[in-house]
Structures are given as structure tokens and as C-alpha cells.
Amino acid sequence: MALDSFLLELLEDPTDHGTLLYIASSNILYNPRKKVAYEVRGSIPVLLPDEARQVTDVEHSTWTSDTTAVTTGR
């Protein structure tokens, strides 16, 4: 299930407070500055630093070039 556009405007990374990329096809929120991904379970973003995972260079390239990615924040 996709995240609501209003919610996407409010979301930010919990550690650096910057914007995130919402990759709906992978159901994740991605911080390209830190190369960490946060899972979205159902329609609930899990923005806990302990639950974030490091991403590979291939994932980083794929997600940052994804034209369907939505940037969070205002």
C-alpha cells in the first residue's frame, strides 16, 4: 500500500533530519546521504535507527535514478 502524500510531506530521516526518497516499488524510505533504508510495513514507516539497514552500491544507484521516487519533506 502506498504512503499518503500528506504523510510524505512530514517525514524526515530520524538521525540527520533531512529528506528521504520513498521508493514505492521496494516499499522503503531511503536516505541517499547516509545510504540507509527504512522499511515500510503495510502503510507504516519504520523510522527507527536500529531498524535501518545499509544499502549496496547497486541499490543506491537504482533508487537514486528511479524516476518514480518521491522526495519527502516540504
C-alpha atoms as a PDB file:
ATOM      1  CA  MET A   1       0.000   0.000   0.000  1.00  0.00           C
ATOM      2  CA  ALA A   2       1.390   3.412  -0.979  1.00  0.00           C
ATOM      3  CA  LEU A   3       2.028   6.084   1.595  1.00  0.00           C
ATOM      4  CA  ASP A   4      -0.293   9.073   1.777  1.00  0.00           C
ATOM      5  CA  SER A   5       1.072  12.258   0.146  1.00  0.00           C
ATOM      6  CA  PHE A   6       0.333  14.296   3.299  1.00  0.00           C
ATOM      7  CA  LEU A   7       2.384  11.861   5.394  1.00  0.00           C
ATOM      8  CA  LEU A   8       5.248  12.014   2.883  1.00  0.00           C
ATOM      9  CA  GLU A   9       5.411  15.791   3.343  1.00  0.00           C
ATOM     10  CA  LEU A  10       6.003  15.297   7.080  1.00  0.00           C
ATOM     11  CA  LEU A  11       8.597  12.533   7.016  1.00  0.00           C
ATOM     12  CA  GLU A  12      12.308  13.110   7.530  1.00  0.00           C
ATOM     13  CA  ASP A  13      15.287  10.990   8.492  1.00  0.00           C
ATOM     14  CA  PRO A  14      15.344  10.482  12.275  1.00  0.00           C
ATOM     15  CA  THR A  15      19.109  10.964  12.562  1.00  0.00           C
ATOM     16  CA  ASP A  16      20.066  13.774  10.160  1.00  0.00           C
ATOM     17  CA  HIS A  17      16.568  15.296   9.779  1.00  0.00           C
ATOM     18  CA  GLY A  18      16.943  15.522   6.009  1.00  0.00           C
ATOM     19  CA  THR A  19      14.625  14.433   3.244  1.00  0.00           C
ATOM     20  CA  LEU A  20      14.126  10.825   2.223  1.00  0.00           C
ATOM     21  CA  LEU A  21      13.250   9.107  -1.027  1.00  0.00           C
ATOM     22  CA  TYR A  22      10.124   6.987  -0.987  1.00  0.00           C
ATOM     23  CA  ILE A  23      10.626   4.018  -3.297  1.00  0.00           C
ATOM     24  CA  ALA A  24       7.150   2.523  -3.577  1.00  0.00           C
ATOM     25  CA  SER A  25       8.270  -0.431  -5.708  1.00  0.00           C
ATOM     26  CA  SER A  26      10.645  -1.558  -2.930  1.00  0.00           C
ATOM     27  CA  ASN A  27       8.407  -0.330  -0.094  1.00  0.00           C
ATOM     28  CA  ILE A  28      11.218   1.631   1.572  1.00  0.00           C
ATOM     29  CA  LEU A  29      12.219   5.131   2.586  1.00  0.00           C
ATOM     30  CA  TYR A  30      15.817   5.788   1.575  1.00  0.00           C
ATOM     31  CA  ASN A  31      18.377   8.300   2.825  1.00  0.00           C
ATOM     32  CA  PRO A  32      20.908   8.650  -0.016  1.00  0.00           C
ATOM     33  CA  ARG A  33      23.241  10.822   2.093  1.00  0.00           C
ATOM     34  CA  LYS A  34      23.775   8.056   4.653  1.00  0.00           C
ATOM     35  CA  LYS A  35      22.954   5.118   2.350  1.00  0.00           C
ATOM     36  CA  VAL A  36      20.415   3.643   4.759  1.00  0.00           C
ATOM     37  CA  ALA A  37      16.942   2.270   4.054  1.00  0.00           C
ATOM     38  CA  TYR A  38      13.938   2.220   6.356  1.00  0.00           C
ATOM     39  CA  GLU A  39      11.250  -0.384   5.808  1.00  0.00           C
ATOM     40  CA  VAL A  40       7.601   0.492   5.299  1.00  0.00           C
ATOM     41  CA  ARG A  41       5.411  -2.208   6.835  1.00  0.00           C
ATOM     42  CA  GLY A  42       1.927  -2.034   5.404  1.00  0.00           C
ATOM     43  CA  SER A  43       1.424   1.712   5.382  1.00  0.00           C
ATOM     44  CA  ILE A  44       3.561   2.389   8.460  1.00  0.00           C
ATOM     45  CA  PRO A  45       7.090   3.776   8.001  1.00  0.00           C
ATOM     46  CA  VAL A  46       9.508   2.230  10.491  1.00  0.00           C
ATOM     47  CA  LEU A  47      11.899   5.138  11.065  1.00  0.00           C
ATOM     48  CA  LEU A  48      13.895   3.601  13.877  1.00  0.00           C
ATOM     49  CA  PRO A  49      17.681   3.973  13.512  1.00  0.00           C
ATOM     50  CA  ASP A  50      18.206   0.492  14.965  1.00  0.00           C
ATOM     51  CA  GLU A  51      15.969  -0.998  12.257  1.00  0.00           C
ATOM     52  CA  ALA A  52      17.605   0.828   9.335  1.00  0.00           C
ATOM     53  CA  ARG A  53      19.818  -1.169   7.024  1.00  0.00           C
ATOM     54  CA  GLN A  54      22.835  -0.226   4.949  1.00  0.00           C
ATOM     55  CA  VAL A  55      22.267  -0.481   1.201  1.00  0.00           C
ATOM     56  CA  THR A  56      24.518  -1.760  -1.536  1.00  0.00           C
ATOM     57  CA  ASP A  57      26.017   0.452  -4.234  1.00  0.00           C
ATOM     58  CA  VAL A  58      23.700  -1.186  -6.768  1.00  0.00           C
ATOM     59  CA  GLU A  59      20.620  -0.363  -4.663  1.00  0.00           C
ATOM     60  CA  HIS A  60      21.870   3.208  -4.199  1.00  0.00           C
ATOM     61  CA  SER A  61      22.317   3.690  -7.952  1.00  0.00           C
ATOM     62  CA  THR A  62      18.963   2.124  -8.732  1.00  0.00           C
ATOM     63  CA  TRP A  63      16.996   4.089  -6.167  1.00  0.00           C
ATOM     64  CA  THR A  64      18.608   7.479  -6.795  1.00  0.00           C
ATOM     65  CA  SER A  65      17.910   7.160 -10.521  1.00  0.00           C
ATOM     66  CA  ASP A  66      14.319   5.915 -10.048  1.00  0.00           C
ATOM     67  CA  THR A  67      12.063   8.433 -11.762  1.00  0.00           C
ATOM     68  CA  THR A  68       9.067   7.284  -9.705  1.00  0.00           C
ATOM     69  CA  ALA A  69      10.784   8.023  -6.363  1.00  0.00           C
ATOM     70  CA  VAL A  70       9.088  10.691  -4.261  1.00  0.00           C
ATOM     71  CA  THR A  71      11.104  13.070  -2.094  1.00  0.00           C
ATOM     72  CA  THR A  72       9.714  13.577   1.392  1.00  0.00           C
ATOM     73  CA  GLY A  73       9.554  16.839   3.280  1.00  0.00           C
ATOM     74  CA  ARG A  74       8.259  20.228   2.286  1.00  0.00           C
END
